[in-house]
Amino acid sequence: GRGRGTACGEGAAMAAAPRWRELFFGLYFLSHIPITLLIDLQALLPAGLHPQSLAELLQWYAAAFKDPMMLQPPEWFKAFIYCEAFLQMPFFPVAAYAFFKGGCKWIRTPAIIYSTHVATTLCAILAHILFHDFSKSEHLGPQTQRERLVLLSVYVPYLLIPLLILFTMLCHPHYNHVEKRKRK
């Protein structure tokens, strides 16, 4: 009915959802769809499955940012890409929809799961970038501290944005408010 809130965009009596963040999160999830399908999955799929121009884009990126993990992924990194493909990818359009629509409280638990999962994987990736000896890599990896920081700059947003999502889901009153049910 009219008096009850809906699954998305509930009444103004509640603390309004942080709209700028929802739009930002919507763009983040929407942008992840082509990045995952066109770039990240190249690390798992057989060569030649993607168009030559996309393979060249990945080669350019790996050389420019000295990221051998995308060309010769360690097994643990492949596991993260499988998670991206089979767990995260189906979530991206759902999350994009929820955040663009705005006020969708049902996205709270899936967004918490997503953001904690991604933040955890990024801790391992960032530690690898900072501390791994890339001198034995088949493809050129970062050798200097500056090169490591440049590569970190590519990955750090994929830690910070999920942490902002997590913070928003846990701390903003719109998403963590528990409604009291009326007794009949």
N, C-alpha and C. Protein backbone atom coordinates (compact mmCIF):
# COMPACT_ATOMS: atom_id res chain seq x y z
N GLY A 1 0.82 -1.19 0.00
CA GLY A 1 0.00 0.00 0.00
C GLY A 1 0.85 1.24 0.00
N ARG A 2 0.17 2.38 0.00
CA ARG A 2 0.83 3.67 -0.08
C ARG A 2 1.56 4.00 1.22
N GLY A 3 1.05 3.57 2.35
CA GLY A 3 1.63 3.89 3.64
C GLY A 3 2.92 3.14 3.93
N ARG A 4 3.11 2.02 3.31
CA ARG A 4 4.31 1.22 3.54
C ARG A 4 5.41 1.63 2.58
N GLY A 5 6.67 1.45 3.03
CA GLY A 5 7.79 1.72 2.13
C GLY A 5 7.92 0.58 1.13
N THR A 6 8.54 0.86 0.02
CA THR A 6 8.78 -0.16 -0.99
C THR A 6 10.19 -0.68 -0.83
N ALA A 7 10.54 -1.68 -1.60
CA ALA A 7 11.88 -2.27 -1.51
C ALA A 7 12.96 -1.26 -1.89
N CYS A 8 12.64 -0.33 -2.76
CA CYS A 8 13.60 0.70 -3.15
C CYS A 8 12.94 2.06 -2.99
N GLY A 9 13.73 3.06 -2.67
CA GLY A 9 13.23 4.43 -2.59
C GLY A 9 12.19 4.63 -1.50
N GLU A 10 12.45 4.15 -0.30
CA GLU A 10 11.49 4.27 0.80
C GLU A 10 11.22 5.71 1.15
N GLY A 11 10.20 5.91 1.97
CA GLY A 11 9.71 7.24 2.33
C GLY A 11 10.77 8.17 2.89
N ALA A 12 10.46 9.46 2.89
CA ALA A 12 11.39 10.50 3.30
C ALA A 12 11.58 10.53 4.81
N ALA A 13 10.75 9.85 5.58
CA ALA A 13 10.91 9.84 7.03
C ALA A 13 12.24 9.19 7.42
N MET A 14 12.66 8.24 6.63
CA MET A 14 13.96 7.59 6.88
C MET A 14 15.07 8.54 6.46
N ALA A 15 16.25 8.30 6.99
CA ALA A 15 17.41 9.06 6.52
C ALA A 15 17.61 8.72 5.05
N ALA A 16 17.70 9.75 4.25
CA ALA A 16 17.85 9.53 2.81
C ALA A 16 19.15 8.81 2.51
N ALA A 17 19.10 7.94 1.53
CA ALA A 17 20.32 7.24 1.11
C ALA A 17 21.29 8.28 0.55
N PRO A 18 22.58 8.06 0.72
CA PRO A 18 23.58 9.00 0.19
C PRO A 18 23.61 8.92 -1.33
N ARG A 19 22.81 9.75 -1.99
CA ARG A 19 22.57 9.62 -3.43
C ARG A 19 23.84 9.71 -4.27
N TRP A 20 24.74 10.64 -3.94
CA TRP A 20 25.96 10.74 -4.75
C TRP A 20 26.77 9.46 -4.68
N ARG A 21 26.76 8.82 -3.50
CA ARG A 21 27.51 7.56 -3.37
C ARG A 21 26.81 6.46 -4.15
N GLU A 22 25.49 6.42 -4.09
CA GLU A 22 24.76 5.39 -4.85
C GLU A 22 25.05 5.51 -6.34
N LEU A 23 25.04 6.72 -6.87
CA LEU A 23 25.34 6.91 -8.30
C LEU A 23 26.79 6.51 -8.60
N PHE A 24 27.71 6.87 -7.71
CA PHE A 24 29.11 6.48 -7.86
C PHE A 24 29.25 4.97 -7.84
N PHE A 25 28.58 4.31 -6.89
CA PHE A 25 28.63 2.86 -6.81
C PHE A 25 28.01 2.23 -8.06
N GLY A 26 26.91 2.80 -8.54
CA GLY A 26 26.27 2.31 -9.76
C GLY A 26 27.24 2.36 -10.94
N LEU A 27 27.95 3.47 -11.08
CA LEU A 27 28.94 3.60 -12.16
C LEU A 27 30.09 2.61 -11.98
N TYR A 28 30.52 2.43 -10.74
CA TYR A 28 31.59 1.47 -10.44
C TYR A 28 31.18 0.07 -10.91
N PHE A 29 29.98 -0.38 -10.54
CA PHE A 29 29.55 -1.73 -10.91
C PHE A 29 29.29 -1.83 -12.41
N LEU A 30 28.71 -0.80 -13.01
CA LEU A 30 28.47 -0.81 -14.45
C LEU A 30 29.79 -0.88 -15.22
N SER A 31 30.79 -0.12 -14.77
CA SER A 31 32.09 -0.12 -15.47
C SER A 31 32.81 -1.46 -15.33
N HIS A 32 32.49 -2.19 -14.28
CA HIS A 32 33.14 -3.49 -14.06
C HIS A 32 32.73 -4.53 -15.10
N ILE A 33 31.56 -4.41 -15.67
CA ILE A 33 31.07 -5.42 -16.61
C ILE A 33 31.99 -5.51 -17.83
N PRO A 34 32.23 -4.40 -18.57
CA PRO A 34 33.14 -4.54 -19.72
C PRO A 34 34.58 -4.82 -19.31
N ILE A 35 35.04 -4.27 -18.18
CA ILE A 35 36.41 -4.53 -17.74
C ILE A 35 36.61 -6.03 -17.49
N THR A 36 35.65 -6.64 -16.81
CA THR A 36 35.75 -8.08 -16.52
C THR A 36 35.70 -8.89 -17.80
N LEU A 37 34.68 -8.64 -18.63
CA LEU A 37 34.48 -9.44 -19.83
C LEU A 37 35.58 -9.26 -20.88
N LEU A 38 36.03 -8.02 -21.06
CA LEU A 38 36.95 -7.73 -22.16
C LEU A 38 38.43 -7.77 -21.78
N ILE A 39 38.74 -7.53 -20.51
CA ILE A 39 40.15 -7.47 -20.09
C ILE A 39 40.50 -8.59 -19.12
N ASP A 40 39.85 -8.60 -17.95
CA ASP A 40 40.26 -9.52 -16.89
C ASP A 40 40.15 -10.99 -17.28
N LEU A 41 39.09 -11.36 -18.01
CA LEU A 41 38.91 -12.76 -18.37
C LEU A 41 39.95 -13.27 -19.37
N GLN A 42 40.70 -12.36 -19.99
CA GLN A 42 41.76 -12.79 -20.90
C GLN A 42 42.82 -13.62 -20.16
N ALA A 43 42.95 -13.39 -18.86
CA ALA A 43 43.94 -14.14 -18.08
C ALA A 43 43.54 -15.60 -17.91
N LEU A 44 42.27 -15.92 -18.13
CA LEU A 44 41.78 -17.29 -17.95
C LEU A 44 41.49 -18.01 -19.26
N LEU A 45 41.05 -17.26 -20.25
CA LEU A 45 40.57 -17.87 -21.50
C LEU A 45 41.73 -18.12 -22.47
N PRO A 46 41.54 -19.08 -23.35
CA PRO A 46 42.60 -19.37 -24.33
C PRO A 46 42.89 -18.17 -25.23
N ALA A 47 44.14 -18.03 -25.61
CA ALA A 47 44.54 -16.94 -26.52
C ALA A 47 43.74 -17.06 -27.81
N GLY A 48 43.39 -15.93 -28.37
CA GLY A 48 42.64 -15.91 -29.63
C GLY A 48 41.14 -15.83 -29.44
N LEU A 49 40.66 -16.00 -28.23
CA LEU A 49 39.22 -15.92 -27.98
C LEU A 49 38.73 -14.48 -28.00
N HIS A 50 39.58 -13.56 -27.54
CA HIS A 50 39.25 -12.14 -27.57
C HIS A 50 39.77 -11.54 -28.87
N PRO A 51 39.14 -10.47 -29.36
CA PRO A 51 39.66 -9.81 -30.56
C PRO A 51 41.10 -9.35 -30.37
N GLN A 52 41.86 -9.31 -31.45
CA GLN A 52 43.26 -8.93 -31.41
C GLN A 52 43.46 -7.57 -30.75
N SER A 53 42.56 -6.63 -31.01
CA SER A 53 42.71 -5.28 -30.43
C SER A 53 42.64 -5.31 -28.91
N LEU A 54 41.80 -6.20 -28.35
CA LEU A 54 41.71 -6.31 -26.88
C LEU A 54 42.95 -7.00 -26.32
N ALA A 55 43.46 -7.98 -27.03
CA ALA A 55 44.70 -8.65 -26.60
C ALA A 55 45.85 -7.64 -26.62
N GLU A 56 45.89 -6.79 -27.64
CA GLU A 56 46.93 -5.77 -27.72
C GLU A 56 46.77 -4.73 -26.61
N LEU A 57 45.52 -4.39 -26.26
CA LEU A 57 45.28 -3.46 -25.16
C LEU A 57 45.82 -4.04 -23.85
N LEU A 58 45.58 -5.32 -23.62
CA LEU A 58 46.08 -5.97 -22.41
C LEU A 58 47.61 -6.00 -22.42
N GLN A 59 48.21 -6.31 -23.57
CA GLN A 59 49.67 -6.32 -23.69
C GLN A 59 50.24 -4.92 -23.39
N TRP A 60 49.60 -3.89 -23.95
CA TRP A 60 50.05 -2.52 -23.70
C TRP A 60 49.96 -2.19 -22.21
N TYR A 61 48.81 -2.50 -21.60
CA TYR A 61 48.62 -2.23 -20.17
C TYR A 61 49.71 -2.93 -19.35
N ALA A 62 49.92 -4.22 -19.60
CA ALA A 62 50.88 -5.00 -18.83
C ALA A 62 52.29 -4.43 -18.97
N ALA A 63 52.64 -3.96 -20.16
CA ALA A 63 53.97 -3.38 -20.38
C ALA A 63 54.07 -1.98 -19.75
N ALA A 64 53.05 -1.16 -19.94
CA ALA A 64 53.08 0.23 -19.44
C ALA A 64 53.09 0.28 -17.91
N PHE A 65 52.32 -0.60 -17.28
CA PHE A 65 52.22 -0.57 -15.81
C PHE A 65 53.03 -1.69 -15.14
N LYS A 66 53.76 -2.44 -15.96
CA LYS A 66 54.59 -3.55 -15.46
C LYS A 66 53.79 -4.49 -14.57
N ASP A 67 52.71 -5.01 -15.15
CA ASP A 67 51.80 -5.91 -14.44
C ASP A 67 51.84 -7.30 -15.07
N PRO A 68 52.80 -8.14 -14.67
CA PRO A 68 52.90 -9.47 -15.25
C PRO A 68 51.76 -10.40 -14.81
N MET A 69 51.06 -10.03 -13.74
CA MET A 69 50.00 -10.90 -13.21
C MET A 69 48.88 -11.10 -14.24
N MET A 70 48.64 -10.09 -15.09
CA MET A 70 47.58 -10.22 -16.07
C MET A 70 47.99 -11.07 -17.28
N LEU A 71 49.28 -11.17 -17.53
CA LEU A 71 49.75 -11.97 -18.67
C LEU A 71 50.15 -13.38 -18.25
N GLN A 72 50.68 -13.51 -17.05
CA GLN A 72 51.14 -14.79 -16.52
C GLN A 72 50.65 -14.88 -15.07
N PRO A 73 49.33 -15.07 -14.89
CA PRO A 73 48.79 -15.01 -13.53
C PRO A 73 49.23 -16.20 -12.67
N PRO A 74 49.70 -15.89 -11.46
CA PRO A 74 49.96 -16.99 -10.51
C PRO A 74 48.64 -17.71 -10.23
N GLU A 75 48.71 -18.93 -9.77
CA GLU A 75 47.48 -19.72 -9.54
C GLU A 75 46.51 -19.03 -8.59
N TRP A 76 47.03 -18.41 -7.51
CA TRP A 76 46.17 -17.73 -6.56
C TRP A 76 45.46 -16.54 -7.22
N PHE A 77 46.13 -15.86 -8.15
CA PHE A 77 45.53 -14.73 -8.87
C PHE A 77 44.45 -15.23 -9.82
N LYS A 78 44.71 -16.38 -10.47
CA LYS A 78 43.69 -16.99 -11.32
C LYS A 78 42.44 -17.31 -10.49
N ALA A 79 42.63 -17.79 -9.27
CA ALA A 79 41.49 -18.09 -8.40
C ALA A 79 40.65 -16.84 -8.16
N PHE A 80 41.32 -15.70 -7.98
CA PHE A 80 40.58 -14.45 -7.78
C PHE A 80 39.82 -14.06 -9.05
N ILE A 81 40.40 -14.32 -10.21
CA ILE A 81 39.71 -13.99 -11.47
C ILE A 81 38.53 -14.93 -11.68
N TYR A 82 38.66 -16.20 -11.30
CA TYR A 82 37.51 -17.11 -11.35
C TYR A 82 36.39 -16.60 -10.43
N CYS A 83 36.75 -16.12 -9.25
CA CYS A 83 35.74 -15.53 -8.36
C CYS A 83 35.08 -14.32 -9.01
N GLU A 84 35.90 -13.51 -9.67
CA GLU A 84 35.35 -12.34 -10.38
C GLU A 84 34.38 -12.78 -11.47
N ALA A 85 34.75 -13.82 -12.20
CA ALA A 85 33.92 -14.28 -13.32
C ALA A 85 32.61 -14.92 -12.85
N PHE A 86 32.68 -15.78 -11.85
CA PHE A 86 31.51 -16.59 -11.48
C PHE A 86 30.73 -16.08 -10.28
N LEU A 87 31.36 -15.30 -9.41
CA LEU A 87 30.65 -14.76 -8.24
C LEU A 87 30.33 -13.28 -8.41
N GLN A 88 31.34 -12.51 -8.81
CA GLN A 88 31.14 -11.07 -8.90
C GLN A 88 30.40 -10.64 -10.17
N MET A 89 30.77 -11.20 -11.31
CA MET A 89 30.17 -10.78 -12.58
C MET A 89 28.64 -10.84 -12.56
N PRO A 90 28.02 -11.90 -12.07
CA PRO A 90 26.55 -11.91 -12.02
C PRO A 90 25.99 -10.82 -11.08
N PHE A 91 26.78 -10.41 -10.10
CA PHE A 91 26.35 -9.39 -9.15
C PHE A 91 26.45 -7.98 -9.73
N PHE A 92 27.38 -7.74 -10.65
CA PHE A 92 27.59 -6.38 -11.17
C PHE A 92 26.32 -5.73 -11.71
N PRO A 93 25.57 -6.38 -12.61
CA PRO A 93 24.35 -5.70 -13.12
C PRO A 93 23.29 -5.52 -12.03
N VAL A 94 23.20 -6.46 -11.11
CA VAL A 94 22.23 -6.36 -10.02
C VAL A 94 22.57 -5.16 -9.14
N ALA A 95 23.84 -5.04 -8.77
CA ALA A 95 24.28 -3.92 -7.93
C ALA A 95 24.13 -2.60 -8.67
N ALA A 96 24.50 -2.57 -9.96
CA ALA A 96 24.35 -1.34 -10.74
C ALA A 96 22.88 -0.90 -10.74
N TYR A 97 21.98 -1.85 -10.98
CA TYR A 97 20.54 -1.55 -10.96
C TYR A 97 20.13 -0.97 -9.60
N ALA A 98 20.50 -1.64 -8.52
CA ALA A 98 20.08 -1.22 -7.18
C ALA A 98 20.59 0.17 -6.85
N PHE A 99 21.84 0.45 -7.17
CA PHE A 99 22.40 1.75 -6.82
C PHE A 99 21.90 2.86 -7.74
N PHE A 100 21.71 2.58 -9.03
CA PHE A 100 21.13 3.61 -9.90
C PHE A 100 19.68 3.89 -9.52
N LYS A 101 18.92 2.87 -9.16
CA LYS A 101 17.54 3.07 -8.74
C LYS A 101 17.49 3.87 -7.45
N GLY A 102 18.38 3.53 -6.53
CA GLY A 102 18.49 4.28 -5.28
C GLY A 102 17.57 3.78 -4.19
N GLY A 103 18.07 3.82 -2.98
CA GLY A 103 17.27 3.48 -1.81
C GLY A 103 16.94 2.00 -1.65
N CYS A 104 17.59 1.13 -2.37
CA CYS A 104 17.29 -0.30 -2.33
C CYS A 104 18.00 -0.94 -1.13
N LYS A 105 17.27 -1.11 -0.06
CA LYS A 105 17.87 -1.64 1.17
C LYS A 105 18.27 -3.10 1.03
N TRP A 106 17.63 -3.83 0.13
CA TRP A 106 17.95 -5.25 -0.06
C TRP A 106 19.36 -5.47 -0.57
N ILE A 107 20.01 -4.42 -1.09
CA ILE A 107 21.37 -4.57 -1.61
C ILE A 107 22.40 -4.60 -0.48
N ARG A 108 21.98 -4.26 0.73
CA ARG A 108 22.91 -4.15 1.87
C ARG A 108 23.73 -5.43 2.07
N THR A 109 23.08 -6.56 2.31
CA THR A 109 23.82 -7.80 2.60
C THR A 109 24.67 -8.25 1.41
N PRO A 110 24.14 -8.29 0.18
CA PRO A 110 25.02 -8.66 -0.93
C PRO A 110 26.19 -7.70 -1.11
N ALA A 111 25.97 -6.41 -0.87
CA ALA A 111 27.06 -5.42 -1.01
C ALA A 111 28.11 -5.61 0.07
N ILE A 112 27.69 -6.00 1.28
CA ILE A 112 28.65 -6.28 2.36
C ILE A 112 29.49 -7.50 1.99
N ILE A 113 28.83 -8.54 1.49
CA ILE A 113 29.56 -9.75 1.09
C ILE A 113 30.54 -9.43 -0.03
N TYR A 114 30.06 -8.71 -1.06
CA TYR A 114 30.92 -8.34 -2.19
C TYR A 114 32.13 -7.54 -1.70
N SER A 115 31.87 -6.49 -0.93
CA SER A 115 32.95 -5.57 -0.56
C SER A 115 33.98 -6.23 0.36
N THR A 116 33.55 -7.09 1.27
CA THR A 116 34.52 -7.77 2.13
C THR A 116 35.34 -8.78 1.32
N HIS A 117 34.68 -9.47 0.39
CA HIS A 117 35.40 -10.42 -0.47
C HIS A 117 36.47 -9.69 -1.29
N VAL A 118 36.08 -8.62 -1.95
CA VAL A 118 37.02 -7.91 -2.82
C VAL A 118 38.14 -7.26 -2.01
N ALA A 119 37.80 -6.66 -0.88
CA ALA A 119 38.84 -6.04 -0.05
C ALA A 119 39.86 -7.09 0.41
N THR A 120 39.39 -8.27 0.72
CA THR A 120 40.29 -9.35 1.15
C THR A 120 41.21 -9.76 0.01
N THR A 121 40.66 -9.93 -1.19
CA THR A 121 41.50 -10.32 -2.33
C THR A 121 42.51 -9.23 -2.65
N LEU A 122 42.10 -7.97 -2.52
CA LEU A 122 43.00 -6.87 -2.84
C LEU A 122 44.16 -6.78 -1.85
N CYS A 123 43.95 -7.17 -0.61
CA CYS A 123 45.06 -7.18 0.35
C CYS A 123 46.17 -8.12 -0.14
N ALA A 124 45.80 -9.29 -0.63
CA ALA A 124 46.80 -10.23 -1.16
C ALA A 124 47.47 -9.68 -2.41
N ILE A 125 46.70 -9.09 -3.31
CA ILE A 125 47.26 -8.53 -4.55
C ILE A 125 48.22 -7.39 -4.24
N LEU A 126 47.82 -6.48 -3.35
CA LEU A 126 48.67 -5.34 -3.01
C LEU A 126 49.96 -5.80 -2.31
N ALA A 127 49.85 -6.79 -1.44
CA ALA A 127 51.05 -7.32 -0.79
C ALA A 127 51.98 -7.95 -1.82
N HIS A 128 51.43 -8.65 -2.78
CA HIS A 128 52.23 -9.26 -3.85
C HIS A 128 52.97 -8.17 -4.64
N ILE A 129 52.25 -7.10 -4.99
CA ILE A 129 52.86 -5.99 -5.74
C ILE A 129 53.99 -5.36 -4.93
N LEU A 130 53.77 -5.19 -3.64
CA LEU A 130 54.77 -4.52 -2.80
C LEU A 130 56.00 -5.37 -2.50
N PHE A 131 55.80 -6.68 -2.32
CA PHE A 131 56.88 -7.49 -1.75
C PHE A 131 57.43 -8.60 -2.65
N HIS A 132 56.75 -8.95 -3.73
CA HIS A 132 57.20 -10.07 -4.57
C HIS A 132 58.46 -9.69 -5.36
N ASP A 133 59.31 -10.67 -5.56
CA ASP A 133 60.51 -10.49 -6.40
C ASP A 133 60.09 -10.80 -7.84
N PHE A 134 59.87 -9.78 -8.62
CA PHE A 134 59.41 -9.95 -10.01
C PHE A 134 60.56 -10.20 -10.98
N SER A 135 61.80 -10.26 -10.49
CA SER A 135 62.95 -10.41 -11.39
C SER A 135 62.92 -11.75 -12.13
N LYS A 136 62.22 -12.75 -11.58
CA LYS A 136 62.15 -14.06 -12.23
C LYS A 136 60.91 -14.23 -13.11
N SER A 137 60.09 -13.19 -13.21
CA SER A 137 58.87 -13.26 -14.02
C SER A 137 59.22 -13.30 -15.50
N GLU A 138 58.44 -14.07 -16.25
CA GLU A 138 58.62 -14.13 -17.70
C GLU A 138 58.33 -12.77 -18.32
N HIS A 139 57.29 -12.10 -17.80
CA HIS A 139 56.91 -10.76 -18.27
C HIS A 139 57.41 -9.74 -17.26
N LEU A 140 57.82 -8.58 -17.76
CA LEU A 140 58.41 -7.56 -16.92
C LEU A 140 57.46 -7.08 -15.82
N GLY A 141 57.94 -7.14 -14.59
CA GLY A 141 57.19 -6.65 -13.45
C GLY A 141 57.88 -5.43 -12.86
N PRO A 142 57.27 -4.83 -11.85
CA PRO A 142 57.89 -3.64 -11.26
C PRO A 142 59.20 -4.00 -10.56
N GLN A 143 60.22 -3.19 -10.80
CA GLN A 143 61.54 -3.42 -10.19
C GLN A 143 61.86 -2.37 -9.15
N THR A 144 61.46 -1.12 -9.39
CA THR A 144 61.76 -0.04 -8.46
C THR A 144 60.54 0.24 -7.58
N GLN A 145 60.78 0.96 -6.50
CA GLN A 145 59.67 1.34 -5.63
C GLN A 145 58.65 2.20 -6.39
N ARG A 146 59.15 3.08 -7.24
CA ARG A 146 58.25 3.94 -8.04
C ARG A 146 57.37 3.08 -8.94
N GLU A 147 57.95 2.08 -9.61
CA GLU A 147 57.17 1.20 -10.48
C GLU A 147 56.13 0.41 -9.68
N ARG A 148 56.49 0.00 -8.49
CA ARG A 148 55.53 -0.71 -7.62
C ARG A 148 54.38 0.22 -7.23
N LEU A 149 54.70 1.48 -6.93
CA LEU A 149 53.66 2.44 -6.56
C LEU A 149 52.74 2.76 -7.75
N VAL A 150 53.31 2.83 -8.94
CA VAL A 150 52.49 3.06 -10.14
C VAL A 150 51.51 1.91 -10.32
N LEU A 151 52.00 0.67 -10.19
CA LEU A 151 51.12 -0.49 -10.32
C LEU A 151 50.09 -0.52 -9.18
N LEU A 152 50.51 -0.17 -7.98
CA LEU A 152 49.57 -0.08 -6.86
C LEU A 152 48.44 0.90 -7.18
N SER A 153 48.78 2.00 -7.85
CA SER A 153 47.76 3.02 -8.15
C SER A 153 46.66 2.48 -9.05
N VAL A 154 46.95 1.44 -9.82
CA VAL A 154 45.93 0.80 -10.65
C VAL A 154 44.98 -0.02 -9.78
N TYR A 155 45.53 -0.72 -8.80
CA TYR A 155 44.74 -1.65 -7.99
C TYR A 155 44.07 -1.02 -6.76
N VAL A 156 44.68 0.02 -6.18
CA VAL A 156 44.16 0.60 -4.95
C VAL A 156 42.70 1.07 -5.04
N PRO A 157 42.24 1.65 -6.15
CA PRO A 157 40.81 2.03 -6.20
C PRO A 157 39.88 0.83 -6.01
N TYR A 158 40.33 -0.36 -6.41
CA TYR A 158 39.51 -1.56 -6.26
C TYR A 158 39.53 -2.09 -4.82
N LEU A 159 40.32 -1.46 -3.97
CA LEU A 159 40.24 -1.68 -2.54
C LEU A 159 39.43 -0.56 -1.88
N LEU A 160 39.73 0.68 -2.25
CA LEU A 160 39.10 1.83 -1.59
C LEU A 160 37.59 1.91 -1.87
N ILE A 161 37.18 1.66 -3.11
CA ILE A 161 35.75 1.76 -3.42
C ILE A 161 34.96 0.67 -2.69
N PRO A 162 35.38 -0.60 -2.69
CA PRO A 162 34.67 -1.58 -1.88
C PRO A 162 34.66 -1.23 -0.39
N LEU A 163 35.73 -0.64 0.13
CA LEU A 163 35.72 -0.22 1.53
C LEU A 163 34.70 0.90 1.76
N LEU A 164 34.56 1.81 0.80
CA LEU A 164 33.53 2.86 0.90
C LEU A 164 32.13 2.25 0.84
N ILE A 165 31.96 1.25 -0.01
CA ILE A 165 30.67 0.54 -0.07
C ILE A 165 30.39 -0.12 1.28
N LEU A 166 31.39 -0.82 1.81
CA LEU A 166 31.23 -1.48 3.11
C LEU A 166 30.89 -0.47 4.20
N PHE A 167 31.63 0.62 4.26
CA PHE A 167 31.38 1.67 5.25
C PHE A 167 29.95 2.21 5.11
N THR A 168 29.53 2.45 3.89
CA THR A 168 28.17 2.98 3.65
C THR A 168 27.12 1.98 4.10
N MET A 169 27.30 0.71 3.76
CA MET A 169 26.31 -0.30 4.12
C MET A 169 26.24 -0.51 5.64
N LEU A 170 27.38 -0.40 6.31
CA LEU A 170 27.42 -0.65 7.76
C LEU A 170 27.05 0.58 8.59
N CYS A 171 27.39 1.77 8.11
CA CYS A 171 27.30 2.95 8.95
C CYS A 171 26.22 3.95 8.58
N HIS A 172 25.77 3.96 7.33
CA HIS A 172 24.76 4.95 6.97
C HIS A 172 23.40 4.49 7.48
N PRO A 173 22.66 5.38 8.16
CA PRO A 173 21.38 4.98 8.77
C PRO A 173 20.37 4.42 7.76
N HIS A 174 20.44 4.85 6.52
CA HIS A 174 19.50 4.33 5.52
C HIS A 174 19.65 2.82 5.34
N TYR A 175 20.90 2.36 5.38
CA TYR A 175 21.15 0.94 5.11
C TYR A 175 21.22 0.09 6.36
N ASN A 176 21.53 0.67 7.51
CA ASN A 176 21.65 -0.19 8.68
C ASN A 176 20.53 0.01 9.69
N HIS A 177 19.52 0.79 9.34
CA HIS A 177 18.39 1.01 10.24
C HIS A 177 17.53 -0.26 10.29
N VAL A 178 17.20 -0.69 11.49
CA VAL A 178 16.34 -1.87 11.67
C VAL A 178 14.93 -1.35 11.95
N GLU A 179 14.00 -1.71 11.09
CA GLU A 179 12.62 -1.27 11.29
C GLU A 179 11.94 -2.12 12.34
N LYS A 180 11.15 -1.47 13.15
CA LYS A 180 10.34 -2.19 14.14
C LYS A 180 9.01 -2.52 13.50
N ARG A 181 8.64 -3.77 13.58
CA ARG A 181 7.37 -4.21 12.98
C ARG A 181 6.23 -3.86 13.93
N LYS A 182 5.12 -3.45 13.34
CA LYS A 182 3.93 -3.14 14.14
C LYS A 182 3.26 -4.45 14.53
N ARG A 183 2.81 -4.52 15.78
CA ARG A 183 2.07 -5.70 16.22
C ARG A 183 0.62 -5.54 15.81
N LYS A 184 0.03 -6.65 15.43
CA LYS A 184 -1.39 -6.60 15.02
C LYS A 184 -2.27 -7.12 16.12
